[in-house]
Protein backbone atom coordinates (compact mmCIF):
# COMPACT_ATOMS: atom_id res chain seq x y z
CA MET A 1 0.00 0.00 0.00
CA SER A 2 1.59 3.29 -1.06
CA THR A 3 -1.14 5.59 0.16
CA ARG A 4 -0.97 7.44 3.49
CA LEU A 5 -4.75 7.45 3.92
CA PHE A 6 -6.26 4.22 5.19
CA ALA A 7 -9.67 2.90 6.15
CA PHE A 8 -10.39 0.22 8.72
CA VAL A 9 -13.70 -1.37 7.72
CA GLY A 10 -15.52 -3.46 10.29
CA GLY A 11 -18.25 -5.71 8.94
CA ASN A 12 -18.66 -9.19 7.49
CA THR A 13 -15.73 -9.22 5.04
CA GLY A 14 -11.99 -8.77 5.24
CA GLU A 15 -8.76 -10.67 5.73
CA TRP A 16 -8.81 -10.22 9.51
CA ARG A 17 -11.28 -12.10 11.71
CA VAL A 18 -12.34 -10.28 14.87
CA LEU A 19 -11.56 -12.44 17.89
CA ARG A 20 -12.83 -10.03 20.51
CA THR A 21 -13.62 -6.37 21.04
CA HIS A 22 -13.12 -4.80 24.45
CA THR A 23 -14.24 -1.27 25.25
CA ILE A 24 -11.68 0.16 27.67
CA VAL A 25 -13.41 3.51 28.20
CA GLY A 26 -16.16 5.48 26.45
CA ALA A 27 -18.74 4.36 23.92
CA PRO A 28 -18.35 0.98 22.17
CA LEU A 29 -18.32 0.31 18.44
CA PRO A 30 -21.06 -1.76 16.75
CA GLU A 31 -20.29 -5.45 16.42
CA ALA A 32 -18.20 -6.60 13.47
CA LYS A 33 -17.11 -10.12 12.56
CA ARG A 34 -14.25 -9.23 10.23
CA LEU A 35 -12.02 -6.28 9.38
CA ALA A 36 -10.57 -5.05 6.11
CA LEU A 37 -7.62 -2.64 6.06
CA VAL A 38 -7.61 -0.82 2.73
CA PRO A 39 -6.47 2.44 1.15
CA ASP A 40 -9.24 4.92 1.82
CA SER A 41 -9.79 5.44 -1.92
CA LEU A 42 -10.83 1.78 -2.21
CA VAL A 43 -13.70 1.97 0.27
CA SER A 44 -16.57 0.86 -1.93
CA PRO A 45 -20.22 1.77 -1.27
CA GLU A 46 -20.70 -1.83 -0.11
CA ARG A 47 -17.91 -1.50 2.43
CA ALA A 48 -19.07 1.95 3.45
CA ALA A 49 -22.34 0.30 4.52
CA ALA A 50 -20.42 -1.93 6.98
CA SER A 51 -20.82 -1.78 10.76
CA TRP A 52 -18.20 0.97 10.97
CA VAL A 53 -15.44 2.64 8.97
CA LEU A 54 -12.55 4.37 10.74
CA ARG A 55 -10.22 6.57 8.71
CA GLY A 56 -6.72 7.77 9.46
CA ILE A 57 -3.62 9.12 7.76
CA THR A 58 0.00 8.29 8.44
CA SER A 59 2.13 11.29 9.34
CA ASN A 60 5.32 12.29 11.10
CA GLU A 61 5.96 11.31 14.70
CA ARG A 62 4.78 14.33 16.69
CA TYR A 63 6.48 13.98 20.09
CA VAL A 64 9.76 12.13 19.47
CA LEU A 65 13.26 13.56 19.19
CA ARG A 66 15.52 12.70 16.26
CA THR A 67 17.56 10.22 18.32
CA GLU A 68 14.36 8.48 19.45
CA LYS A 69 13.08 8.40 15.88
CA GLU A 70 16.33 6.83 14.70
CA GLN A 71 16.08 4.16 17.40
CA LEU A 72 12.50 3.36 16.41
CA THR A 73 13.36 3.20 12.72
CA ALA A 74 16.31 0.88 13.35
CA LYS A 75 14.24 -1.63 15.34
CA GLN A 76 10.75 -1.26 13.84
CA PRO A 77 9.78 -4.25 11.65
CA GLY A 78 7.56 -3.93 8.61
CA LEU A 79 3.92 -4.87 8.43
CA ASN A 80 2.51 -7.87 6.55
CA ARG A 81 5.11 -10.35 7.78
CA PRO A 82 3.71 -13.82 6.94
CA GLU A 83 4.37 -15.08 10.47
CA ALA A 84 2.47 -12.17 12.07
CA LEU A 85 -0.94 -13.83 12.20
CA CYS A 86 -2.23 -11.70 15.08
CA ALA A 87 -3.17 -8.04 15.02
CA ALA A 88 -4.78 -5.39 17.17
CA LEU A 89 -6.54 -2.19 16.22
CA ILE A 90 -6.73 0.28 19.09
CA PRO A 91 -8.68 3.47 18.35
CA ILE A 92 -8.12 6.23 20.93
CA ARG A 93 -9.61 9.63 21.59
CA LYS A 94 -8.02 12.10 24.00
CA ASN A 95 -9.96 14.70 25.94
CA ALA A 96 -10.02 18.47 25.59
CA ALA A 97 -7.46 18.89 28.36
CA TRP A 98 -4.87 17.11 26.19
CA TRP A 99 -5.57 19.22 23.13
CA ASN A 100 -5.46 22.41 25.21
CA LEU A 101 -1.83 21.67 26.11
CA GLN A 102 0.94 23.19 24.03
CA GLN A 103 3.18 20.90 21.97
CA ASP A 104 6.03 21.02 24.49
CA GLU A 105 3.62 20.24 27.33
CA ARG A 106 2.27 17.22 25.47
CA ARG A 107 5.85 16.09 24.84
CA ARG A 108 6.55 16.22 28.61
CA VAL A 109 3.51 14.04 29.34
CA PHE A 110 4.18 11.71 26.39
CA GLU A 111 7.85 11.05 27.02
CA GLN A 112 9.28 12.58 30.18
CA GLN A 113 6.39 11.44 32.39
CA SER A 114 5.11 8.38 30.49
CA GLN A 115 8.22 7.11 28.64
CA HIS A 116 5.95 6.19 25.70
CA THR A 117 8.79 5.71 23.22
CA GLU A 118 11.00 3.91 25.73
CA ILE A 119 8.21 1.44 26.51
CA GLY A 120 7.58 0.81 22.82
CA LEU A 121 11.27 0.20 22.09
CA ARG A 122 11.36 -2.62 24.63
CA TYR A 123 8.89 -4.63 22.54
CA LEU A 124 10.56 -4.17 19.15
CA PRO A 125 11.09 -5.93 16.80
CA ALA A 126 8.53 -8.51 18.01
CA ILE A 127 5.61 -6.14 17.53
CA ALA A 128 5.14 -4.06 14.38
CA ARG A 129 3.16 -0.85 14.68
CA ARG A 130 1.75 1.91 12.50
CA LEU A 131 0.03 5.02 13.83
CA HIS A 132 -2.78 6.74 11.92
CA HIS A 133 -3.89 10.29 12.74
CA CYS A 134 -7.59 11.07 12.51
CA ARG A 135 -7.66 14.73 13.60
CA ASP A 136 -5.57 15.56 10.53
CA LEU A 137 -8.68 14.67 8.53
CA SER A 138 -11.29 16.31 10.71
CA GLU A 139 -11.94 17.07 14.38
CA SER A 140 -15.33 15.41 13.90
CA GLU A 141 -13.74 11.97 13.42
CA PRO A 142 -14.81 9.64 16.26
CA PHE A 143 -11.18 8.99 17.32
CA ASP A 144 -7.94 10.95 17.34
CA PHE A 145 -5.59 8.02 16.66
CA LEU A 146 -5.81 4.53 15.22
CA THR A 147 -2.88 2.33 16.16
CA TRP A 148 -2.42 -0.89 14.20
CA PHE A 149 -0.22 -3.66 15.61
CA GLU A 150 0.88 -6.98 14.08
CA TYR A 151 2.70 -9.79 15.90
CA GLU A 152 3.22 -13.54 16.00
CA PRO A 153 0.91 -15.62 18.23
CA ALA A 154 3.90 -16.42 20.47
CA HIS A 155 4.23 -12.70 21.27
CA GLU A 156 0.66 -12.14 22.45
CA ALA A 157 1.70 -12.04 26.12
CA ALA A 158 4.34 -9.42 25.30
CA PHE A 159 1.77 -7.34 23.46
CA ASN A 160 -0.61 -7.53 26.43
CA LYS A 161 2.21 -6.33 28.68
CA LEU A 162 3.00 -3.47 26.28
CA VAL A 163 -0.55 -2.08 26.28
CA ALA A 164 -0.87 -2.57 30.06
CA GLU A 165 2.27 -0.48 30.63
CA LEU A 166 1.01 2.29 28.37
CA ARG A 167 -2.44 2.34 29.99
CA ALA A 168 -0.82 2.68 33.42
CA SER A 169 1.13 5.78 32.34
CA PRO A 170 0.15 9.42 33.05
CA GLU A 171 -0.60 9.93 29.34
CA TRP A 172 -3.66 7.67 29.61
CA GLN A 173 -5.29 10.04 32.11
CA TYR A 174 -6.16 12.08 29.01
CA VAL A 175 -7.85 9.20 27.15
CA ASP A 176 -11.66 9.38 27.20
CA ARG A 177 -12.42 6.73 24.56
CA GLU A 178 -10.47 3.58 23.77
CA ILE A 179 -11.39 0.27 22.18
CA ASP A 180 -9.15 -2.78 21.94
CA ILE A 181 -9.93 -4.97 18.91
CA ARG A 182 -7.99 -8.24 18.61
CA LEU A 183 -7.78 -9.98 15.26
CA GLN A 184 -6.42 -13.02 13.50
CA ARG A 185 -5.32 -13.15 9.88
CA GLN A 186 -7.71 -15.59 8.26
CA PRO A 187 -9.17 -15.43 4.74
CA ALA A 188 -12.94 -15.81 4.71
CA SER A 189 -12.67 -19.21 3.00
CA SER A 190 -10.35 -20.65 5.67
CA PRO A 191 -11.71 -23.32 7.99
CA PRO A 192 -11.82 -22.48 11.71
CA SER A 193 -8.77 -23.33 13.77
CA PRO A 194 -8.98 -26.26 16.25
CA ARG A 195 -9.14 -23.74 19.10
CA ASP A 196 -12.11 -22.01 17.45
CA ALA A 197 -13.88 -25.30 16.83
CA ALA A 198 -13.53 -26.21 20.49
CA ALA A 199 -14.92 -22.87 21.66
């Protein structure tokens, strides 16, 4: 995908099967069985009629220093690794108090108080990540950020630890809506896994 503008389409079609959806805080999303991640320009009328469509654009890292960016780039794996059969989509909205802070104040909360980048670096390269900004499109978008993660099944415990550390940080005091959507890469024609059949 060469575009910077993406759509996450929750409905009945898509490469990713929704395993579970957990509302951390705020209003939930309507139920969806599958998720498609596509360039926004490819959202067809049929997909637009899905349970929900969340849009975001990739952009520069807002609160990291050059040295931190270089560390992230050196360790960050690419998406779509064949062994990364698990994924998570975590949409987040921050409250007005966050957006009323100046850029340097948000940087202090993000890094100096919460060590957001330092925490993330500890879980690379096991977990691939891409951040999508929603407010760059419109302040009326339902979320401010959409973070997409991909990882191998063996690294699920590490991913759970990563998000637990972030949620315990001072930065998360500014979050007023968050949903944790866990997914498994599975084409619609694939048979259920033994674990699914036993459920």
